[in-house]
């Protein structure tokens, strides 16, 4: 078994840090729900797509250290190590933001992973979605975990891989094509309990 895991919104939860940054910058009212998507949706409704794009660069760069791992994900990787199961982090991560200050987003992600004990040779931050798909096939994943059903449904997704949708907020109940789990505990129980 070789498990591949996406990074953003799969390992890392950005809800609180997006909300804090947006409120601090005066982009959203404090009563906006503490959910990344609520911040995004508010800014889009106000016609501030460019500010949303800049906020993403700021959070993924300057505020990365403040982001939290999803509950149970660090334990999941520890369980993989204990059982001798290879677990790779394979993600699409641009080097710099599309707008705003030029933060090194890959370096910020690597520092965050190091701080959680998740760094090492099995981390691949690819510049494009196509490179991410290629890497999943090259390393020989038997399972891949991602938060985006549209990525798991890509026509060029390598064949023969068990695709797992991480859906902690139940945003994709219609995604019955994949194994769908709301927590890392559930994923660990499914893949590592034997």
N, C-alpha and C. Protein backbone atom coordinates (compact mmCIF):
# COMPACT_ATOMS: atom_id res chain seq x y z
N UNK A 1 0.85 -1.19 0.00
CA UNK A 1 0.00 0.00 0.00
C UNK A 1 0.89 1.24 0.00
N UNK A 2 0.54 2.20 -0.84
CA UNK A 2 1.23 3.48 -0.89
C UNK A 2 0.16 4.56 -0.99
N UNK A 3 0.10 5.40 0.02
CA UNK A 3 -0.97 6.39 0.13
C UNK A 3 -0.44 7.77 -0.26
N UNK A 4 -1.13 8.42 -1.16
CA UNK A 4 -0.83 9.80 -1.52
C UNK A 4 -1.86 10.71 -0.88
N UNK A 5 -1.40 11.87 -0.40
CA UNK A 5 -2.28 12.81 0.29
C UNK A 5 -2.05 14.21 -0.23
N UNK A 6 -3.11 14.90 -0.57
CA UNK A 6 -3.06 16.31 -0.96
C UNK A 6 -2.68 17.15 0.27
N UNK A 7 -2.28 18.38 0.07
CA UNK A 7 -1.84 19.25 1.17
C UNK A 7 -2.91 20.26 1.60
N UNK A 8 -3.16 21.27 0.75
CA UNK A 8 -4.09 22.34 1.11
C UNK A 8 -5.51 21.83 1.27
N UNK A 9 -6.12 22.15 2.39
CA UNK A 9 -7.51 21.80 2.70
C UNK A 9 -7.73 20.30 2.86
N UNK A 10 -6.66 19.53 2.89
CA UNK A 10 -6.73 18.10 3.16
C UNK A 10 -5.92 17.78 4.41
N UNK A 11 -4.68 18.26 4.43
CA UNK A 11 -3.86 18.15 5.63
C UNK A 11 -4.03 19.42 6.48
N UNK A 12 -4.05 20.56 5.81
CA UNK A 12 -4.10 21.85 6.49
C UNK A 12 -5.52 22.42 6.48
N UNK A 13 -5.98 22.86 7.64
CA UNK A 13 -7.25 23.56 7.76
C UNK A 13 -6.97 25.06 7.84
N UNK A 14 -7.56 25.80 6.93
CA UNK A 14 -7.30 27.24 6.86
C UNK A 14 -8.47 28.09 7.38
N UNK A 15 -9.52 27.49 7.89
CA UNK A 15 -10.71 28.25 8.25
C UNK A 15 -10.41 29.42 9.19
N UNK A 16 -9.77 29.15 10.31
CA UNK A 16 -9.52 30.21 11.30
C UNK A 16 -8.56 31.26 10.79
N UNK A 17 -7.50 30.83 10.12
CA UNK A 17 -6.49 31.80 9.68
C UNK A 17 -7.04 32.70 8.57
N UNK A 18 -7.86 32.18 7.67
CA UNK A 18 -8.47 33.03 6.65
C UNK A 18 -9.40 34.05 7.30
N UNK A 19 -10.21 33.60 8.24
CA UNK A 19 -11.14 34.49 8.92
C UNK A 19 -10.39 35.59 9.67
N UNK A 20 -9.37 35.20 10.43
CA UNK A 20 -8.60 36.18 11.20
C UNK A 20 -7.94 37.20 10.30
N UNK A 21 -7.31 36.75 9.22
CA UNK A 21 -6.62 37.66 8.32
C UNK A 21 -7.61 38.61 7.63
N UNK A 22 -8.75 38.09 7.20
CA UNK A 22 -9.74 38.91 6.50
C UNK A 22 -10.36 39.96 7.44
N UNK A 23 -10.64 39.56 8.68
CA UNK A 23 -11.20 40.51 9.64
C UNK A 23 -10.16 41.58 9.98
N UNK A 24 -8.93 41.15 10.22
CA UNK A 24 -7.85 42.09 10.57
C UNK A 24 -7.62 43.12 9.47
N UNK A 25 -7.75 42.71 8.21
CA UNK A 25 -7.56 43.62 7.08
C UNK A 25 -8.82 44.41 6.74
N UNK A 26 -9.90 44.15 7.46
CA UNK A 26 -11.15 44.87 7.21
C UNK A 26 -11.86 44.44 5.95
N UNK A 27 -11.60 43.21 5.51
CA UNK A 27 -12.21 42.71 4.27
C UNK A 27 -13.58 42.11 4.49
N UNK A 28 -13.83 41.55 5.68
CA UNK A 28 -15.12 40.93 5.99
C UNK A 28 -15.53 41.35 7.40
N UNK A 29 -16.83 41.37 7.68
CA UNK A 29 -17.29 41.66 9.04
C UNK A 29 -16.88 40.52 9.99
N UNK A 30 -16.66 40.86 11.25
CA UNK A 30 -16.24 39.87 12.24
C UNK A 30 -17.25 38.74 12.39
N UNK A 31 -18.53 39.03 12.14
CA UNK A 31 -19.56 37.99 12.30
C UNK A 31 -19.63 37.01 11.12
N UNK A 32 -18.80 37.20 10.12
CA UNK A 32 -18.71 36.22 9.03
C UNK A 32 -18.35 34.87 9.63
N UNK A 33 -19.01 33.79 9.22
CA UNK A 33 -18.66 32.47 9.77
C UNK A 33 -17.17 32.17 9.62
N UNK A 34 -16.62 31.49 10.62
CA UNK A 34 -15.19 31.16 10.65
C UNK A 34 -14.94 29.95 9.76
N UNK A 35 -15.13 30.17 8.47
CA UNK A 35 -14.97 29.14 7.45
C UNK A 35 -14.33 29.82 6.24
N UNK A 36 -13.30 29.21 5.69
CA UNK A 36 -12.61 29.78 4.53
C UNK A 36 -13.58 30.10 3.40
N UNK A 37 -14.48 29.18 3.10
CA UNK A 37 -15.43 29.39 2.00
C UNK A 37 -16.36 30.57 2.26
N UNK A 38 -16.69 30.83 3.53
CA UNK A 38 -17.55 31.97 3.85
C UNK A 38 -16.83 33.28 3.57
N UNK A 39 -15.54 33.33 3.87
CA UNK A 39 -14.74 34.51 3.56
C UNK A 39 -14.68 34.71 2.04
N UNK A 40 -14.37 33.64 1.32
CA UNK A 40 -14.31 33.71 -0.15
C UNK A 40 -15.64 34.17 -0.72
N UNK A 41 -16.73 33.55 -0.28
CA UNK A 41 -18.04 33.86 -0.83
C UNK A 41 -18.44 35.31 -0.54
N UNK A 42 -18.11 35.81 0.65
CA UNK A 42 -18.42 37.20 0.99
C UNK A 42 -17.69 38.15 0.03
N UNK A 43 -16.41 37.92 -0.16
CA UNK A 43 -15.63 38.80 -1.03
C UNK A 43 -16.11 38.73 -2.48
N UNK A 44 -16.47 37.56 -2.92
CA UNK A 44 -16.97 37.42 -4.29
C UNK A 44 -18.31 38.12 -4.46
N UNK A 45 -19.18 37.99 -3.46
CA UNK A 45 -20.48 38.69 -3.54
C UNK A 45 -20.29 40.20 -3.61
N UNK A 46 -19.23 40.69 -3.00
CA UNK A 46 -18.94 42.13 -3.01
C UNK A 46 -18.14 42.56 -4.23
N UNK A 47 -17.88 41.62 -5.15
CA UNK A 47 -17.13 41.96 -6.35
C UNK A 47 -15.65 42.18 -6.08
N UNK A 48 -15.11 41.52 -5.06
CA UNK A 48 -13.72 41.73 -4.67
C UNK A 48 -12.88 40.47 -4.89
N UNK A 49 -13.00 39.91 -6.08
CA UNK A 49 -12.25 38.70 -6.42
C UNK A 49 -10.74 38.93 -6.32
N UNK A 50 -10.28 40.11 -6.74
CA UNK A 50 -8.84 40.40 -6.66
C UNK A 50 -8.35 40.40 -5.22
N UNK A 51 -9.16 40.94 -4.31
CA UNK A 51 -8.77 40.94 -2.89
C UNK A 51 -8.75 39.52 -2.34
N UNK A 52 -9.66 38.66 -2.80
CA UNK A 52 -9.66 37.26 -2.39
C UNK A 52 -8.36 36.59 -2.85
N UNK A 53 -7.96 36.85 -4.09
CA UNK A 53 -6.73 36.26 -4.62
C UNK A 53 -5.51 36.74 -3.81
N UNK A 54 -5.46 38.03 -3.49
CA UNK A 54 -4.35 38.55 -2.68
C UNK A 54 -4.37 37.96 -1.27
N UNK A 55 -5.55 37.80 -0.71
CA UNK A 55 -5.67 37.22 0.63
C UNK A 55 -5.13 35.79 0.66
N UNK A 56 -5.40 35.03 -0.40
CA UNK A 56 -4.88 33.67 -0.46
C UNK A 56 -3.36 33.66 -0.41
N UNK A 57 -2.71 34.52 -1.19
CA UNK A 57 -1.26 34.60 -1.17
C UNK A 57 -0.73 34.97 0.20
N UNK A 58 -1.40 35.91 0.86
CA UNK A 58 -1.00 36.35 2.19
C UNK A 58 -1.12 35.21 3.20
N UNK A 59 -2.25 34.50 3.17
CA UNK A 59 -2.46 33.40 4.12
C UNK A 59 -1.49 32.25 3.85
N UNK A 60 -1.38 31.83 2.59
CA UNK A 60 -0.51 30.70 2.26
C UNK A 60 0.98 31.04 2.39
N UNK A 61 1.29 32.34 2.49
CA UNK A 61 2.66 32.77 2.66
C UNK A 61 2.93 33.26 4.07
N UNK A 62 2.55 34.50 4.35
CA UNK A 62 2.86 35.14 5.63
C UNK A 62 2.20 34.48 6.84
N UNK A 63 1.01 33.91 6.66
CA UNK A 63 0.26 33.36 7.79
C UNK A 63 0.30 31.83 7.87
N UNK A 64 1.09 31.21 7.03
CA UNK A 64 1.09 29.74 6.97
C UNK A 64 1.37 29.11 8.33
N UNK A 65 2.27 29.68 9.10
CA UNK A 65 2.62 29.11 10.40
C UNK A 65 1.43 29.09 11.36
N UNK A 66 0.44 29.94 11.12
CA UNK A 66 -0.74 30.01 11.99
C UNK A 66 -1.83 29.00 11.62
N UNK A 67 -1.68 28.35 10.47
CA UNK A 67 -2.68 27.37 10.03
C UNK A 67 -2.57 26.10 10.88
N UNK A 68 -3.69 25.43 11.05
CA UNK A 68 -3.73 24.23 11.88
C UNK A 68 -3.88 22.98 11.03
N UNK A 69 -3.31 21.87 11.47
CA UNK A 69 -3.59 20.61 10.78
C UNK A 69 -5.01 20.18 11.12
N UNK A 70 -5.66 19.48 10.20
CA UNK A 70 -6.97 18.92 10.52
C UNK A 70 -6.81 17.93 11.68
N UNK A 71 -7.78 17.87 12.56
CA UNK A 71 -7.69 16.91 13.67
C UNK A 71 -7.46 15.49 13.15
N UNK A 72 -6.47 14.84 13.73
CA UNK A 72 -6.21 13.44 13.41
C UNK A 72 -5.23 13.20 12.28
N UNK A 73 -4.88 14.23 11.49
CA UNK A 73 -4.03 13.99 10.32
C UNK A 73 -2.59 13.66 10.73
N UNK A 74 -2.07 14.32 11.74
CA UNK A 74 -0.70 14.03 12.19
C UNK A 74 -0.65 12.60 12.74
N UNK A 75 -1.69 12.21 13.47
CA UNK A 75 -1.78 10.83 13.98
C UNK A 75 -1.88 9.83 12.83
N UNK A 76 -2.59 10.19 11.77
CA UNK A 76 -2.70 9.30 10.61
C UNK A 76 -1.33 9.00 10.04
N UNK A 77 -0.51 10.03 9.85
CA UNK A 77 0.84 9.81 9.33
C UNK A 77 1.68 8.98 10.30
N UNK A 78 1.50 9.20 11.60
CA UNK A 78 2.23 8.40 12.59
C UNK A 78 1.80 6.94 12.51
N UNK A 79 0.51 6.69 12.34
CA UNK A 79 0.01 5.31 12.20
C UNK A 79 0.58 4.65 10.95
N UNK A 80 0.69 5.43 9.87
CA UNK A 80 1.30 4.89 8.65
C UNK A 80 2.74 4.45 8.92
N UNK A 81 3.51 5.31 9.58
CA UNK A 81 4.90 4.96 9.90
C UNK A 81 4.97 3.71 10.78
N UNK A 82 4.11 3.63 11.79
CA UNK A 82 4.11 2.47 12.70
C UNK A 82 3.82 1.18 11.96
N UNK A 83 2.99 1.24 10.94
CA UNK A 83 2.59 0.04 10.21
C UNK A 83 3.45 -0.20 8.96
N UNK A 84 4.44 0.66 8.74
CA UNK A 84 5.29 0.50 7.57
C UNK A 84 4.60 0.81 6.26
N UNK A 85 3.57 1.66 6.31
CA UNK A 85 2.84 2.06 5.11
C UNK A 85 3.42 3.37 4.59
N UNK A 86 3.85 3.39 3.35
CA UNK A 86 4.39 4.62 2.76
C UNK A 86 3.27 5.62 2.53
N UNK A 87 3.51 6.86 2.96
CA UNK A 87 2.54 7.94 2.77
C UNK A 87 3.27 9.13 2.17
N UNK A 88 2.84 9.55 0.98
CA UNK A 88 3.45 10.66 0.27
C UNK A 88 2.50 11.85 0.28
N UNK A 89 3.06 13.04 0.43
CA UNK A 89 2.30 14.28 0.27
C UNK A 89 2.56 14.76 -1.15
N UNK A 90 1.50 14.83 -1.94
CA UNK A 90 1.62 15.23 -3.35
C UNK A 90 0.56 16.30 -3.59
N UNK A 91 1.03 17.51 -3.87
CA UNK A 91 0.10 18.62 -3.97
C UNK A 91 0.46 19.55 -5.12
N UNK A 92 -0.53 20.27 -5.59
CA UNK A 92 -0.33 21.34 -6.57
C UNK A 92 -0.16 22.62 -5.75
N UNK A 93 1.03 23.22 -5.84
CA UNK A 93 1.32 24.43 -5.07
C UNK A 93 2.20 25.34 -5.92
N UNK A 94 1.67 26.47 -6.34
CA UNK A 94 2.48 27.41 -7.11
C UNK A 94 3.60 27.94 -6.22
N UNK A 95 4.63 28.47 -6.84
CA UNK A 95 5.78 28.98 -6.08
C UNK A 95 5.45 30.32 -5.44
N UNK A 96 4.75 31.18 -6.20
CA UNK A 96 4.44 32.53 -5.73
C UNK A 96 2.96 32.83 -5.97
N UNK A 97 2.38 33.74 -5.20
CA UNK A 97 0.98 34.12 -5.41
C UNK A 97 0.75 34.75 -6.78
N UNK A 98 -0.48 34.67 -7.26
CA UNK A 98 -0.84 35.28 -8.54
C UNK A 98 -0.93 36.80 -8.43
N UNK A 99 -1.26 37.29 -7.23
CA UNK A 99 -1.39 38.73 -6.99
C UNK A 99 -0.80 39.05 -5.63
N UNK A 100 -0.41 40.29 -5.47
CA UNK A 100 0.08 40.74 -4.17
C UNK A 100 1.56 40.47 -3.97
N UNK A 101 1.96 40.50 -2.71
CA UNK A 101 3.37 40.33 -2.34
C UNK A 101 3.89 38.96 -2.76
N UNK A 102 5.17 38.90 -3.08
CA UNK A 102 5.78 37.69 -3.62
C UNK A 102 6.31 36.78 -2.50
N UNK A 103 5.40 36.09 -1.82
CA UNK A 103 5.78 35.12 -0.81
C UNK A 103 6.18 33.82 -1.51
N UNK A 104 7.14 33.10 -0.94
CA UNK A 104 7.50 31.78 -1.47
C UNK A 104 6.56 30.76 -0.82
N UNK A 105 5.51 30.41 -1.53
CA UNK A 105 4.46 29.55 -0.98
C UNK A 105 4.95 28.13 -0.74
N UNK A 106 5.83 27.65 -1.59
CA UNK A 106 6.35 26.30 -1.39
C UNK A 106 7.24 26.23 -0.15
N UNK A 107 8.06 27.23 0.04
CA UNK A 107 8.92 27.26 1.23
C UNK A 107 8.08 27.36 2.50
N UNK A 108 7.03 28.19 2.47
CA UNK A 108 6.14 28.31 3.63
C UNK A 108 5.48 26.97 3.93
N UNK A 109 5.06 26.25 2.90
CA UNK A 109 4.43 24.93 3.11
C UNK A 109 5.44 23.94 3.68
N UNK A 110 6.66 23.95 3.17
CA UNK A 110 7.70 23.03 3.67
C UNK A 110 8.04 23.33 5.13
N UNK A 111 8.11 24.59 5.48
CA UNK A 111 8.39 24.97 6.88
C UNK A 111 7.26 24.51 7.79
N UNK A 112 6.02 24.66 7.31
CA UNK A 112 4.87 24.22 8.09
C UNK A 112 4.94 22.70 8.30
N UNK A 113 5.21 21.96 7.24
CA UNK A 113 5.31 20.50 7.35
C UNK A 113 6.42 20.11 8.32
N UNK A 114 7.54 20.79 8.25
CA UNK A 114 8.66 20.51 9.17
C UNK A 114 8.22 20.74 10.61
N UNK A 115 7.47 21.81 10.86
CA UNK A 115 7.03 22.11 12.22
C UNK A 115 6.07 21.06 12.78
N UNK A 116 5.44 20.31 11.89
CA UNK A 116 4.50 19.26 12.32
C UNK A 116 5.13 17.87 12.24
N UNK A 117 6.39 17.80 11.88
CA UNK A 117 7.07 16.52 11.76
C UNK A 117 6.65 15.72 10.54
N UNK A 118 6.18 16.41 9.50
CA UNK A 118 5.68 15.74 8.30
C UNK A 118 6.56 15.99 7.08
N UNK A 119 7.75 16.54 7.30
CA UNK A 119 8.63 16.81 6.17
C UNK A 119 9.43 15.55 5.84
N UNK A 120 10.15 15.60 4.77
CA UNK A 120 10.97 14.46 4.38
C UNK A 120 11.02 14.28 2.89
N UNK A 121 11.51 13.12 2.48
CA UNK A 121 11.70 12.83 1.06
C UNK A 121 10.39 12.57 0.31
N UNK A 122 9.32 12.37 1.04
CA UNK A 122 8.05 11.99 0.40
C UNK A 122 7.10 13.17 0.27
N UNK A 123 7.65 14.35 0.05
CA UNK A 123 6.83 15.55 -0.14
C UNK A 123 7.11 16.10 -1.53
N UNK A 124 6.04 16.20 -2.32
CA UNK A 124 6.14 16.72 -3.69
C UNK A 124 5.14 17.86 -3.85
N UNK A 125 5.65 19.07 -4.01
CA UNK A 125 4.82 20.24 -4.26
C UNK A 125 5.00 20.61 -5.72
N UNK A 126 4.02 20.24 -6.52
CA UNK A 126 4.11 20.39 -7.97
C UNK A 126 3.55 21.73 -8.43
N UNK A 127 4.14 22.29 -9.48
CA UNK A 127 3.74 23.61 -9.96
C UNK A 127 2.42 23.61 -10.72
N UNK A 128 2.02 22.44 -11.24
CA UNK A 128 0.76 22.37 -12.00
C UNK A 128 -0.05 21.15 -11.57
N UNK A 129 -1.32 21.21 -11.89
CA UNK A 129 -2.20 20.07 -11.63
C UNK A 129 -1.76 18.86 -12.45
N UNK A 130 -1.32 19.10 -13.67
CA UNK A 130 -0.87 18.01 -14.53
C UNK A 130 0.36 17.32 -13.95
N UNK A 131 1.27 18.10 -13.38
CA UNK A 131 2.46 17.52 -12.75
C UNK A 131 2.07 16.73 -11.50
N UNK A 132 1.07 17.19 -10.79
CA UNK A 132 0.57 16.46 -9.62
C UNK A 132 0.01 15.10 -10.05
N UNK A 133 -0.80 15.10 -11.09
CA UNK A 133 -1.36 13.84 -11.59
C UNK A 133 -0.26 12.88 -12.04
N UNK A 134 0.72 13.42 -12.73
CA UNK A 134 1.84 12.60 -13.19
C UNK A 134 2.60 12.00 -12.02
N UNK A 135 2.85 12.81 -10.98
CA UNK A 135 3.59 12.34 -9.81
C UNK A 135 2.83 11.23 -9.07
N UNK A 136 1.52 11.36 -8.99
CA UNK A 136 0.71 10.31 -8.33
C UNK A 136 0.94 8.97 -9.01
N UNK A 137 0.97 8.98 -10.33
CA UNK A 137 1.22 7.76 -11.08
C UNK A 137 2.65 7.28 -10.94
N UNK A 138 3.62 8.20 -11.00
CA UNK A 138 5.03 7.84 -10.95
C UNK A 138 5.43 7.17 -9.63
N UNK A 139 4.90 7.67 -8.52
CA UNK A 139 5.30 7.09 -7.23
C UNK A 139 4.58 5.78 -6.95
N UNK A 140 3.52 5.50 -7.70
CA UNK A 140 2.81 4.23 -7.54
C UNK A 140 1.78 4.20 -6.45
N UNK A 141 1.07 5.31 -6.28
CA UNK A 141 0.02 5.34 -5.24
C UNK A 141 -1.01 4.25 -5.48
N UNK A 142 -1.42 3.60 -4.41
CA UNK A 142 -2.54 2.68 -4.46
C UNK A 142 -3.83 3.37 -4.00
N UNK A 143 -3.65 4.45 -3.19
CA UNK A 143 -4.75 5.24 -2.66
C UNK A 143 -4.35 6.71 -2.75
N UNK A 144 -5.33 7.57 -3.02
CA UNK A 144 -5.04 9.00 -3.00
C UNK A 144 -6.19 9.73 -2.32
N UNK A 145 -5.83 10.65 -1.40
CA UNK A 145 -6.80 11.39 -0.60
C UNK A 145 -6.73 12.87 -0.99
N UNK A 146 -7.89 13.45 -1.34
CA UNK A 146 -7.95 14.85 -1.77
C UNK A 146 -9.28 15.42 -1.33
N UNK A 147 -9.33 16.75 -1.20
CA UNK A 147 -10.58 17.41 -0.80
C UNK A 147 -11.42 17.85 -1.99
N UNK A 148 -10.90 17.70 -3.20
CA UNK A 148 -11.62 18.18 -4.38
C UNK A 148 -12.14 17.03 -5.23
N UNK A 149 -13.46 16.84 -5.29
CA UNK A 149 -13.98 15.76 -6.13
C UNK A 149 -13.65 15.96 -7.61
N UNK A 150 -13.55 17.23 -8.04
CA UNK A 150 -13.24 17.48 -9.45
C UNK A 150 -11.81 17.04 -9.78
N UNK A 151 -10.91 17.11 -8.81
CA UNK A 151 -9.55 16.61 -9.07
C UNK A 151 -9.56 15.08 -9.15
N UNK A 152 -10.24 14.45 -8.21
CA UNK A 152 -10.31 12.98 -8.22
C UNK A 152 -11.00 12.45 -9.47
N UNK A 153 -11.86 13.27 -10.08
CA UNK A 153 -12.60 12.86 -11.28
C UNK A 153 -11.88 13.21 -12.58
N UNK A 154 -10.68 13.78 -12.50
CA UNK A 154 -9.94 14.16 -13.70
C UNK A 154 -9.83 12.97 -14.66
N UNK A 155 -10.02 13.24 -15.93
CA UNK A 155 -9.95 12.17 -16.93
C UNK A 155 -8.55 11.57 -17.03
N UNK A 156 -7.54 12.33 -16.65
CA UNK A 156 -6.16 11.84 -16.71
C UNK A 156 -5.65 11.31 -15.37
N UNK A 157 -6.57 11.16 -14.40
CA UNK A 157 -6.16 10.60 -13.10
C UNK A 157 -5.67 9.17 -13.34
N UNK A 158 -4.50 8.81 -12.79
CA UNK A 158 -3.97 7.47 -13.03
C UNK A 158 -4.97 6.37 -12.66
N UNK A 159 -5.08 5.38 -13.51
CA UNK A 159 -6.05 4.29 -13.31
C UNK A 159 -5.63 3.37 -12.17
N UNK A 160 -6.61 2.71 -11.60
CA UNK A 160 -6.35 1.67 -10.61
C UNK A 160 -6.07 2.17 -9.21
N UNK A 161 -6.28 3.45 -8.96
CA UNK A 161 -6.02 4.02 -7.64
C UNK A 161 -7.35 4.21 -6.91
N UNK A 162 -7.37 3.81 -5.65
CA UNK A 162 -8.55 4.01 -4.81
C UNK A 162 -8.59 5.50 -4.44
N UNK A 163 -9.60 6.22 -4.93
CA UNK A 163 -9.70 7.66 -4.72
C UNK A 163 -10.59 7.94 -3.52
N UNK A 164 -10.05 8.71 -2.59
CA UNK A 164 -10.74 9.00 -1.34
C UNK A 164 -10.97 10.50 -1.23
N UNK A 165 -12.21 10.88 -1.00
CA UNK A 165 -12.58 12.28 -0.86
C UNK A 165 -12.64 12.64 0.62
N UNK A 166 -11.82 13.61 1.02
CA UNK A 166 -11.86 14.14 2.38
C UNK A 166 -12.86 15.29 2.38
N UNK A 167 -13.96 15.13 3.08
CA UNK A 167 -15.07 16.09 3.03
C UNK A 167 -15.54 16.41 4.45
N UNK A 168 -14.73 17.14 5.23
CA UNK A 168 -15.05 17.35 6.65
C UNK A 168 -16.28 18.21 6.89
N UNK A 169 -16.67 19.03 5.93
CA UNK A 169 -17.84 19.91 6.11
C UNK A 169 -19.04 19.45 5.30
N UNK A 170 -18.98 18.23 4.78
CA UNK A 170 -20.09 17.66 4.02
C UNK A 170 -20.53 18.56 2.86
N UNK A 171 -19.54 19.08 2.13
CA UNK A 171 -19.84 19.93 0.98
C UNK A 171 -20.20 19.12 -0.27
N UNK A 172 -19.85 17.83 -0.27
CA UNK A 172 -20.01 17.04 -1.50
C UNK A 172 -20.76 15.73 -1.26
N UNK A 173 -21.97 15.80 -0.72
CA UNK A 173 -22.70 14.55 -0.46
C UNK A 173 -23.06 13.81 -1.75
N UNK A 174 -23.06 14.52 -2.88
CA UNK A 174 -23.41 13.90 -4.16
C UNK A 174 -22.24 13.12 -4.76
N UNK A 175 -21.05 13.25 -4.18
CA UNK A 175 -19.84 12.62 -4.74
C UNK A 175 -19.78 11.15 -4.34
N UNK A 176 -20.68 10.36 -4.90
CA UNK A 176 -20.77 8.94 -4.53
C UNK A 176 -19.80 8.08 -5.32
N UNK A 177 -19.10 8.68 -6.27
CA UNK A 177 -18.15 7.95 -7.10
C UNK A 177 -16.89 7.56 -6.31
N UNK A 178 -16.67 8.24 -5.19
CA UNK A 178 -15.47 8.02 -4.39
C UNK A 178 -15.84 7.58 -2.98
N UNK A 179 -14.88 7.01 -2.28
CA UNK A 179 -15.06 6.79 -0.85
C UNK A 179 -14.96 8.18 -0.21
N UNK A 180 -15.96 8.54 0.56
CA UNK A 180 -16.01 9.89 1.13
C UNK A 180 -16.01 9.80 2.65
N UNK A 181 -15.09 10.56 3.27
CA UNK A 181 -14.96 10.53 4.73
C UNK A 181 -14.90 11.96 5.26
N UNK A 182 -15.43 12.13 6.47
CA UNK A 182 -15.48 13.45 7.10
C UNK A 182 -14.34 13.68 8.08
N UNK A 183 -13.57 12.65 8.40
CA UNK A 183 -12.51 12.83 9.39
C UNK A 183 -11.32 11.94 9.07
N UNK A 184 -10.17 12.34 9.62
CA UNK A 184 -8.96 11.54 9.46
C UNK A 184 -9.03 10.26 10.27
N UNK A 185 -9.77 10.28 11.34
CA UNK A 185 -9.96 9.05 12.12
C UNK A 185 -10.66 8.00 11.26
N UNK A 186 -11.70 8.42 10.54
CA UNK A 186 -12.42 7.49 9.66
C UNK A 186 -11.52 6.96 8.55
N UNK A 187 -10.71 7.84 7.98
CA UNK A 187 -9.80 7.41 6.91
C UNK A 187 -8.80 6.41 7.46
N UNK A 188 -8.22 6.72 8.62
CA UNK A 188 -7.26 5.81 9.23
C UNK A 188 -7.88 4.46 9.55
N UNK A 189 -9.09 4.48 10.07
CA UNK A 189 -9.78 3.22 10.39
C UNK A 189 -10.00 2.39 9.12
N UNK A 190 -10.33 3.05 8.03
CA UNK A 190 -10.58 2.35 6.78
C UNK A 190 -9.32 1.76 6.17
N UNK A 191 -8.24 2.54 6.19
CA UNK A 191 -7.02 2.12 5.49
C UNK A 191 -6.03 1.37 6.36
N UNK A 192 -6.03 1.63 7.65
CA UNK A 192 -4.93 1.12 8.49
C UNK A 192 -5.35 0.14 9.56
N UNK A 193 -6.63 -0.16 9.67
CA UNK A 193 -7.08 -1.11 10.68
C UNK A 193 -7.14 -2.50 10.09
N UNK A 194 -6.13 -3.29 10.38
CA UNK A 194 -6.13 -4.67 9.91
C UNK A 194 -5.25 -5.51 10.79
